[in-house]
PDB file of all heavy atoms in Angstrom:
ATOM      1  N   ALA A   1     176.883  95.190  73.279  1.00  0.00           N
ATOM      2  CA  ALA A   1     175.569  95.139  72.664  1.00  0.00           C
ATOM      3  C   ALA A   1     175.643  94.335  71.379  1.00  0.00           C
ATOM      4  O   ALA A   1     176.590  94.457  70.602  1.00  0.00           O
ATOM      5  CB  ALA A   1     175.056  96.552  72.376  1.00  0.00           C
ATOM      6  N   PHE A   2     174.623  93.520  71.158  1.00  0.00           N
ATOM      7  CA  PHE A   2     174.546  92.669  69.982  1.00  0.00           C
ATOM      8  C   PHE A   2     173.194  92.880  69.313  1.00  0.00           C
ATOM      9  O   PHE A   2     172.156  92.884  69.976  1.00  0.00           O
ATOM     10  CB  PHE A   2     174.734  91.202  70.366  1.00  0.00           C
ATOM     11  CG  PHE A   2     175.992  90.934  71.141  1.00  0.00           C
ATOM     12  CD1 PHE A   2     175.998  90.989  72.528  1.00  0.00           C
ATOM     13  CD2 PHE A   2     177.182  90.668  70.480  1.00  0.00           C
ATOM     14  CE1 PHE A   2     177.161  90.769  73.255  1.00  0.00           C
ATOM     15  CE2 PHE A   2     178.352  90.437  71.192  1.00  0.00           C
ATOM     16  CZ  PHE A   2     178.339  90.489  72.573  1.00  0.00           C
ATOM     17  N   GLN A   3     173.227  93.066  68.003  1.00  0.00           N
ATOM     18  CA  GLN A   3     172.006  93.270  67.228  1.00  0.00           C
ATOM     19  C   GLN A   3     171.839  92.131  66.242  1.00  0.00           C
ATOM     20  O   GLN A   3     172.808  91.679  65.620  1.00  0.00           O
ATOM     21  CB  GLN A   3     172.060  94.602  66.478  1.00  0.00           C
ATOM     22  CG  GLN A   3     170.791  94.922  65.707  1.00  0.00           C
ATOM     23  CD  GLN A   3     170.859  96.271  65.009  1.00  0.00           C
ATOM     24  OE1 GLN A   3     171.898  96.925  64.999  1.00  0.00           O
ATOM     25  NE2 GLN A   3     169.753  96.696  64.433  1.00  0.00           N
ATOM     26  N   LEU A   4     170.612  91.667  66.108  1.00  0.00           N
ATOM     27  CA  LEU A   4     170.335  90.572  65.183  1.00  0.00           C
ATOM     28  C   LEU A   4     170.415  91.075  63.743  1.00  0.00           C
ATOM     29  O   LEU A   4     169.644  91.938  63.330  1.00  0.00           O
ATOM     30  CB  LEU A   4     168.956  89.983  65.461  1.00  0.00           C
ATOM     31  CG  LEU A   4     168.653  88.623  64.846  1.00  0.00           C
ATOM     32  CD1 LEU A   4     169.528  87.543  65.474  1.00  0.00           C
ATOM     33  CD2 LEU A   4     167.179  88.279  65.008  1.00  0.00           C
ATOM     34  N   VAL A   5     171.367  90.537  62.995  1.00  0.00           N
ATOM     35  CA  VAL A   5     171.560  90.912  61.595  1.00  0.00           C
ATOM     36  C   VAL A   5     171.721  89.626  60.792  1.00  0.00           C
ATOM     37  O   VAL A   5     172.628  88.838  61.055  1.00  0.00           O
ATOM     38  CB  VAL A   5     172.802  91.814  61.411  1.00  0.00           C
ATOM     39  CG1 VAL A   5     173.001  92.138  59.931  1.00  0.00           C
ATOM     40  CG2 VAL A   5     172.670  93.093  62.230  1.00  0.00           C
ATOM     41  N   ALA A   6     170.829  89.426  59.815  1.00  0.00           N
ATOM     42  CA  ALA A   6     170.914  88.232  58.954  1.00  0.00           C
ATOM     43  C   ALA A   6     171.011  86.951  59.777  1.00  0.00           C
ATOM     44  O   ALA A   6     171.882  86.105  59.566  1.00  0.00           O
ATOM     45  CB  ALA A   6     172.101  88.339  58.003  1.00  0.00           C
ATOM     46  N   ASP A   7     170.118  86.826  60.759  1.00  0.00           N
ATOM     47  CA  ASP A   7     169.965  85.623  61.571  1.00  0.00           C
ATOM     48  C   ASP A   7     171.072  85.381  62.587  1.00  0.00           C
ATOM     49  O   ASP A   7     171.088  84.343  63.246  1.00  0.00           O
ATOM     50  CB  ASP A   7     169.840  84.364  60.691  1.00  0.00           C
ATOM     51  CG  ASP A   7     168.654  84.434  59.760  1.00  0.00           C
ATOM     52  OD1 ASP A   7     167.645  85.068  60.141  1.00  0.00           O
ATOM     53  OD2 ASP A   7     168.747  83.864  58.656  1.00  0.00           O
ATOM     54  N   ARG A   8     172.006  86.314  62.708  1.00  0.00           N
ATOM     55  CA  ARG A   8     173.076  86.143  63.686  1.00  0.00           C
ATOM     56  C   ARG A   8     173.304  87.456  64.424  1.00  0.00           C
ATOM     57  O   ARG A   8     173.062  88.535  63.897  1.00  0.00           O
ATOM     58  CB  ARG A   8     174.394  85.713  62.993  1.00  0.00           C
ATOM     59  CG  ARG A   8     174.348  84.301  62.427  1.00  0.00           C
ATOM     60  CD  ARG A   8     174.309  83.263  63.524  1.00  0.00           C
ATOM     61  NE  ARG A   8     174.341  81.904  63.002  1.00  0.00           N
ATOM     62  CZ  ARG A   8     173.277  81.184  62.694  1.00  0.00           C
ATOM     63  NH1 ARG A   8     172.063  81.717  62.840  1.00  0.00           N
ATOM     64  NH2 ARG A   8     173.393  79.949  62.249  1.00  0.00           N
ATOM     65  N   TYR A   9     173.816  87.345  65.645  1.00  0.00           N
ATOM     66  CA  TYR A   9     174.122  88.538  66.409  1.00  0.00           C
ATOM     67  C   TYR A   9     175.407  89.180  65.909  1.00  0.00           C
ATOM     68  O   TYR A   9     176.437  88.514  65.748  1.00  0.00           O
ATOM     69  CB  TYR A   9     174.262  88.222  67.893  1.00  0.00           C
ATOM     70  CG  TYR A   9     172.944  88.204  68.632  1.00  0.00           C
ATOM     71  CD1 TYR A   9     172.698  87.263  69.620  1.00  0.00           C
ATOM     72  CD2 TYR A   9     171.941  89.134  68.345  1.00  0.00           C
ATOM     73  CE1 TYR A   9     171.487  87.238  70.301  1.00  0.00           C
ATOM     74  CE2 TYR A   9     170.731  89.120  69.015  1.00  0.00           C
ATOM     75  CZ  TYR A   9     170.508  88.177  69.981  1.00  0.00           C
ATOM     76  OH  TYR A   9     169.311  88.164  70.653  1.00  0.00           O
ATOM     77  N   SER A  10     175.307  90.473  65.660  1.00  0.00           N
ATOM     78  CA  SER A  10     176.467  91.263  65.273  1.00  0.00           C
ATOM     79  C   SER A  10     176.875  92.132  66.457  1.00  0.00           C
ATOM     80  O   SER A  10     176.032  92.828  67.048  1.00  0.00           O
ATOM     81  CB  SER A  10     176.122  92.145  64.067  1.00  0.00           C
ATOM     82  OG  SER A  10     177.186  93.013  63.747  1.00  0.00           O
ATOM     83  N   ASP A  11     178.141  92.084  66.809  1.00  0.00           N
ATOM     84  CA  ASP A  11     178.671  92.866  67.925  1.00  0.00           C
ATOM     85  C   ASP A  11     178.725  94.339  67.517  1.00  0.00           C
ATOM     86  O   ASP A  11     179.438  94.701  66.575  1.00  0.00           O
ATOM     87  CB  ASP A  11     180.066  92.351  68.291  1.00  0.00           C
ATOM     88  CG  ASP A  11     180.597  92.967  69.574  1.00  0.00           C
ATOM     89  OD1 ASP A  11     179.967  93.905  70.105  1.00  0.00           O
ATOM     90  OD2 ASP A  11     181.651  92.512  70.046  1.00  0.00           O
ATOM     91  N   LEU A  12     177.960  95.185  68.204  1.00  0.00           N
ATOM     92  CA  LEU A  12     177.959  96.605  67.878  1.00  0.00           C
ATOM     93  C   LEU A  12     179.217  97.263  68.423  1.00  0.00           C
ATOM     94  O   LEU A  12     179.559  97.102  69.598  1.00  0.00           O
ATOM     95  CB  LEU A  12     176.714  97.286  68.471  1.00  0.00           C
ATOM     96  CG  LEU A  12     175.363  96.796  67.932  1.00  0.00           C
ATOM     97  CD1 LEU A  12     174.225  97.532  68.627  1.00  0.00           C
ATOM     98  CD2 LEU A  12     175.283  96.995  66.425  1.00  0.00           C
ATOM     99  N   ASN A  13     179.895  98.011  67.568  1.00  0.00           N
ATOM    100  CA  ASN A  13     181.097  98.729  67.974  1.00  0.00           C
ATOM    101  C   ASN A  13     180.673 100.036  68.620  1.00  0.00           C
ATOM    102  O   ASN A  13     180.286 100.989  67.943  1.00  0.00           O
ATOM    103  CB  ASN A  13     181.993  98.987  66.758  1.00  0.00           C
ATOM    104  CG  ASN A  13     183.312  99.633  67.141  1.00  0.00           C
ATOM    105  OD1 ASN A  13     183.673  99.679  68.328  1.00  0.00           O
ATOM    106  ND2 ASN A  13     184.020 100.159  66.151  1.00  0.00           N
ATOM    107  N   LEU A  14     180.733 100.080  69.942  1.00  0.00           N
ATOM    108  CA  LEU A  14     180.231 101.239  70.672  1.00  0.00           C
ATOM    109  C   LEU A  14     181.349 102.254  70.881  1.00  0.00           C
ATOM    110  O   LEU A  14     182.231 102.067  71.718  1.00  0.00           O
ATOM    111  CB  LEU A  14     179.663 100.798  72.023  1.00  0.00           C
ATOM    112  CG  LEU A  14     178.543  99.744  71.986  1.00  0.00           C
ATOM    113  CD1 LEU A  14     178.095  99.412  73.405  1.00  0.00           C
ATOM    114  CD2 LEU A  14     177.377 100.219  71.147  1.00  0.00           C
ATOM    115  N   SER A  15     181.311 103.353  70.112  1.00  0.00           N
ATOM    116  CA  SER A  15     182.275 104.429  70.337  1.00  0.00           C
ATOM    117  C   SER A  15     181.948 105.162  71.634  1.00  0.00           C
ATOM    118  O   SER A  15     182.828 105.696  72.304  1.00  0.00           O
ATOM    119  CB  SER A  15     182.264 105.406  69.161  1.00  0.00           C
ATOM    120  OG  SER A  15     180.963 105.916  68.939  1.00  0.00           O
ATOM    121  N   THR A  16     180.675 105.190  71.992  1.00  0.00           N
ATOM    122  CA  THR A  16     180.217 105.668  73.295  1.00  0.00           C
ATOM    123  C   THR A  16     179.306 104.587  73.866  1.00  0.00           C
ATOM    124  O   THR A  16     178.697 103.829  73.107  1.00  0.00           O
ATOM    125  CB  THR A  16     179.437 106.992  73.181  1.00  0.00           C
ATOM    126  OG1 THR A  16     178.294 106.797  72.338  1.00  0.00           O
ATOM    127  CG2 THR A  16     180.317 108.093  72.601  1.00  0.00           C
ATOM    128  N   PRO A  17     179.181 104.512  75.179  1.00  0.00           N
ATOM    129  CA  PRO A  17     178.382 103.436  75.772  1.00  0.00           C
ATOM    130  C   PRO A  17     176.880 103.706  75.669  1.00  0.00           C
ATOM    131  O   PRO A  17     176.177 103.845  76.672  1.00  0.00           O
ATOM    132  CB  PRO A  17     178.863 103.416  77.229  1.00  0.00           C
ATOM    133  CG  PRO A  17     179.268 104.829  77.502  1.00  0.00           C
ATOM    134  CD  PRO A  17     179.836 105.344  76.211  1.00  0.00           C
ATOM    135  N   GLN A  18     176.391 103.782  74.437  1.00  0.00           N
ATOM    136  CA  GLN A  18     174.977 104.025  74.190  1.00  0.00           C
ATOM    137  C   GLN A  18     174.530 103.238  72.963  1.00  0.00           C
ATOM    138  O   GLN A  18     175.286 103.095  72.006  1.00  0.00           O
ATOM    139  CB  GLN A  18     174.704 105.518  73.980  1.00  0.00           C
ATOM    140  CG  GLN A  18     174.950 106.380  75.219  1.00  0.00           C
ATOM    141  CD  GLN A  18     174.570 107.832  74.988  1.00  0.00           C
ATOM    142  OE1 GLN A  18     174.600 108.327  73.862  1.00  0.00           O
ATOM    143  NE2 GLN A  18     174.203 108.524  76.047  1.00  0.00           N
ATOM    144  N   ILE A  19     173.291 102.754  73.014  1.00  0.00           N
ATOM    145  CA  ILE A  19     172.718 101.989  71.901  1.00  0.00           C
ATOM    146  C   ILE A  19     171.359 102.583  71.567  1.00  0.00           C
ATOM    147  O   ILE A  19     170.454 102.568  72.412  1.00  0.00           O
ATOM    148  CB  ILE A  19     172.537 100.495  72.269  1.00  0.00           C
ATOM    149  CG1 ILE A  19     173.846  99.892  72.775  1.00  0.00           C
ATOM    150  CG2 ILE A  19     171.992  99.710  71.091  1.00  0.00           C
ATOM    151  CD1 ILE A  19     173.914  99.772  74.291  1.00  0.00           C
ATOM    152  N   TRP A  20     171.210 103.123  70.377  1.00  0.00           N
ATOM    153  CA  TRP A  20     169.934 103.670  69.942  1.00  0.00           C
ATOM    154  C   TRP A  20     169.140 102.581  69.228  1.00  0.00           C
ATOM    155  O   TRP A  20     169.677 101.875  68.377  1.00  0.00           O
ATOM    156  CB  TRP A  20     170.139 104.861  69.020  1.00  0.00           C
ATOM    157  CG  TRP A  20     168.848 105.447  68.521  1.00  0.00           C
ATOM    158  CD1 TRP A  20     168.354 105.405  67.256  1.00  0.00           C
ATOM    159  CD2 TRP A  20     167.886 106.160  69.296  1.00  0.00           C
ATOM    160  NE1 TRP A  20     167.139 106.035  67.187  1.00  0.00           N
ATOM    161  CE2 TRP A  20     166.817 106.507  68.423  1.00  0.00           C
ATOM    162  CE3 TRP A  20     167.801 106.529  70.647  1.00  0.00           C
ATOM    163  CZ2 TRP A  20     165.698 107.216  68.864  1.00  0.00           C
ATOM    164  CZ3 TRP A  20     166.689 107.232  71.085  1.00  0.00           C
ATOM    165  CH2 TRP A  20     165.657 107.572  70.203  1.00  0.00           C
ATOM    166  N   MET A  21     167.856 102.433  69.584  1.00  0.00           N
ATOM    167  CA  MET A  21     166.991 101.414  69.000  1.00  0.00           C
ATOM    168  C   MET A  21     165.848 102.105  68.269  1.00  0.00           C
ATOM    169  O   MET A  21     164.854 102.496  68.886  1.00  0.00           O
ATOM    170  CB  MET A  21     166.466 100.482  70.096  1.00  0.00           C
ATOM    171  CG  MET A  21     167.573  99.823  70.893  1.00  0.00           C
ATOM    172  SD  MET A  21     166.955  98.736  72.221  1.00  0.00           S
ATOM    173  CE  MET A  21     168.495  98.421  73.102  1.00  0.00           C
ATOM    174  N   PRO A  22     165.970 102.285  66.947  1.00  0.00           N
ATOM    175  CA  PRO A  22     164.994 103.082  66.190  1.00  0.00           C
ATOM    176  C   PRO A  22     163.563 102.585  66.318  1.00  0.00           C
ATOM    177  O   PRO A  22     162.630 103.387  66.388  1.00  0.00           O
ATOM    178  CB  PRO A  22     165.500 102.970  64.745  1.00  0.00           C
ATOM    179  CG  PRO A  22     166.943 102.642  64.860  1.00  0.00           C
ATOM    180  CD  PRO A  22     167.066 101.801  66.082  1.00  0.00           C
ATOM    181  N   SER A  23     163.371 101.276  66.347  1.00  0.00           N
ATOM    182  CA  SER A  23     162.012 100.745  66.417  1.00  0.00           C
ATOM    183  C   SER A  23     161.310 101.108  67.715  1.00  0.00           C
ATOM    184  O   SER A  23     160.077 101.176  67.774  1.00  0.00           O
ATOM    185  CB  SER A  23     162.015  99.226  66.252  1.00  0.00           C
ATOM    186  OG  SER A  23     162.511  98.856  64.986  1.00  0.00           O
ATOM    187  N   LEU A  24     162.088 101.335  68.753  1.00  0.00           N
ATOM    188  CA  LEU A  24     161.512 101.736  70.038  1.00  0.00           C
ATOM    189  C   LEU A  24     161.496 103.245  70.214  1.00  0.00           C
ATOM    190  O   LEU A  24     160.788 103.756  71.085  1.00  0.00           O
ATOM    191  CB  LEU A  24     162.320 101.134  71.198  1.00  0.00           C
ATOM    192  CG  LEU A  24     162.248  99.638  71.426  1.00  0.00           C
ATOM    193  CD1 LEU A  24     163.121  99.258  72.612  1.00  0.00           C
ATOM    194  CD2 LEU A  24     160.820  99.179  71.653  1.00  0.00           C
ATOM    195  N   GLN A  25     162.312 103.955  69.408  1.00  0.00           N
ATOM    196  CA  GLN A  25     162.535 105.382  69.635  1.00  0.00           C
ATOM    197  C   GLN A  25     163.063 105.628  71.046  1.00  0.00           C
ATOM    198  O   GLN A  25     162.711 106.601  71.713  1.00  0.00           O
ATOM    199  CB  GLN A  25     161.270 106.190  69.374  1.00  0.00           C
ATOM    200  CG  GLN A  25     160.946 106.360  67.901  1.00  0.00           C
ATOM    201  CD  GLN A  25     162.042 107.122  67.155  1.00  0.00           C
ATOM    202  OE1 GLN A  25     162.273 108.316  67.393  1.00  0.00           O
ATOM    203  NE2 GLN A  25     162.732 106.436  66.263  1.00  0.00           N
ATOM    204  N   LEU A  26     163.928 104.725  71.468  1.00  0.00           N
ATOM    205  CA  LEU A  26     164.590 104.809  72.767  1.00  0.00           C
ATOM    206  C   LEU A  26     166.031 104.368  72.614  1.00  0.00           C
ATOM    207  O   LEU A  26     166.365 103.599  71.708  1.00  0.00           O
ATOM    208  CB  LEU A  26     163.926 103.896  73.801  1.00  0.00           C
ATOM    209  CG  LEU A  26     162.584 104.295  74.413  1.00  0.00           C
ATOM    210  CD1 LEU A  26     162.158 103.245  75.424  1.00  0.00           C
ATOM    211  CD2 LEU A  26     162.651 105.665  75.066  1.00  0.00           C
ATOM    212  N   GLY A  27     166.857 104.850  73.521  1.00  0.00           N
ATOM    213  CA  GLY A  27     168.238 104.395  73.575  1.00  0.00           C
ATOM    214  C   GLY A  27     168.564 103.891  74.966  1.00  0.00           C
ATOM    215  O   GLY A  27     167.917 104.262  75.953  1.00  0.00           O
ATOM    216  N   LEU A  28     169.564 103.032  75.043  1.00  0.00           N
ATOM    217  CA  LEU A  28     170.024 102.480  76.314  1.00  0.00           C
ATOM    218  C   LEU A  28     171.499 102.806  76.461  1.00  0.00           C
ATOM    219  O   LEU A  28     172.285 102.575  75.538  1.00  0.00           O
ATOM    220  CB  LEU A  28     169.808 100.968  76.341  1.00  0.00           C
ATOM    221  CG  LEU A  28     170.157 100.232  77.636  1.00  0.00           C
ATOM    222  CD1 LEU A  28     169.295 100.716  78.788  1.00  0.00           C
ATOM    223  CD2 LEU A  28     169.987  98.725  77.441  1.00  0.00           C
ATOM    224  N   GLY A  29     171.865 103.362  77.607  1.00  0.00           N
ATOM    225  CA  GLY A  29     173.260 103.732  77.789  1.00  0.00           C
ATOM    226  C   GLY A  29     173.668 103.737  79.244  1.00  0.00           C
ATOM    227  O   GLY A  29     172.862 103.485  80.145  1.00  0.00           O
ATOM    228  N   LEU A  30     174.945 104.034  79.470  1.00  0.00           N
ATOM    229  CA  LEU A  30     175.493 104.104  80.815  1.00  0.00           C
ATOM    230  C   LEU A  30     175.390 105.533  81.332  1.00  0.00           C
ATOM    231  O   LEU A  30     175.814 106.475  80.669  1.00  0.00           O
ATOM    232  CB  LEU A  30     176.948 103.637  80.832  1.00  0.00           C
ATOM    233  CG  LEU A  30     177.181 102.146  80.577  1.00  0.00           C
ATOM    234  CD1 LEU A  30     178.670 101.825  80.686  1.00  0.00           C
ATOM    235  CD2 LEU A  30     176.394 101.288  81.570  1.00  0.00           C
ATOM    236  N   TRP A  31     174.837 105.665  82.514  1.00  0.00           N
ATOM    237  CA  TRP A  31     174.609 106.959  83.168  1.00  0.00           C
ATOM    238  C   TRP A  31     175.311 106.971  84.510  1.00  0.00           C
ATOM    239  O   TRP A  31     175.175 106.046  85.300  1.00  0.00           O
ATOM    240  CB  TRP A  31     173.106 107.163  83.333  1.00  0.00           C
ATOM    241  CG  TRP A  31     172.700 108.237  84.300  1.00  0.00           C
ATOM    242  CD1 TRP A  31     172.761 109.581  84.113  1.00  0.00           C
ATOM    243  CD2 TRP A  31     172.151 108.038  85.614  1.00  0.00           C
ATOM    244  NE1 TRP A  31     172.279 110.231  85.224  1.00  0.00           N
ATOM    245  CE2 TRP A  31     171.891 109.314  86.160  1.00  0.00           C
ATOM    246  CE3 TRP A  31     171.834 106.904  86.371  1.00  0.00           C
ATOM    247  CZ2 TRP A  31     171.354 109.481  87.437  1.00  0.00           C
ATOM    248  CZ3 TRP A  31     171.304 107.071  87.643  1.00  0.00           C
ATOM    249  CH2 TRP A  31     171.074 108.351  88.161  1.00  0.00           C
ATOM    250  N   GLN A  32     176.085 108.008  84.766  1.00  0.00           N
ATOM    251  CA  GLN A  32     176.746 108.166  86.063  1.00  0.00           C
ATOM    252  C   GLN A  32     175.833 108.986  86.962  1.00  0.00           C
ATOM    253  O   GLN A  32     175.495 110.130  86.652  1.00  0.00           O
ATOM    254  CB  GLN A  32     178.088 108.882  85.898  1.00  0.00           C
ATOM    255  CG  GLN A  32     178.852 109.110  87.200  1.00  0.00           C
ATOM    256  CD  GLN A  32     179.527 107.850  87.720  1.00  0.00           C
ATOM    257  OE1 GLN A  32     180.013 107.045  86.917  1.00  0.00           O
ATOM    258  NE2 GLN A  32     179.567 107.672  89.026  1.00  0.00           N
ATOM    259  N   GLY A  33     175.411 108.400  88.062  1.00  0.00           N
ATOM    260  CA  GLY A  33     174.535 109.143  88.948  1.00  0.00           C
ATOM    261  C   GLY A  33     174.117 108.322  90.147  1.00  0.00           C
ATOM    262  O   GLY A  33     174.552 107.184  90.345  1.00  0.00           O
TER     263      GLY A  33
END
């Protein structure tokens, strides 16, 4: 996952395979099912 920070993409260090997006009030992650 990459987030736009200061005009460039910053690689998010994912300790778990989930990304929370505050502006959306949603998160995206890996689900086994």
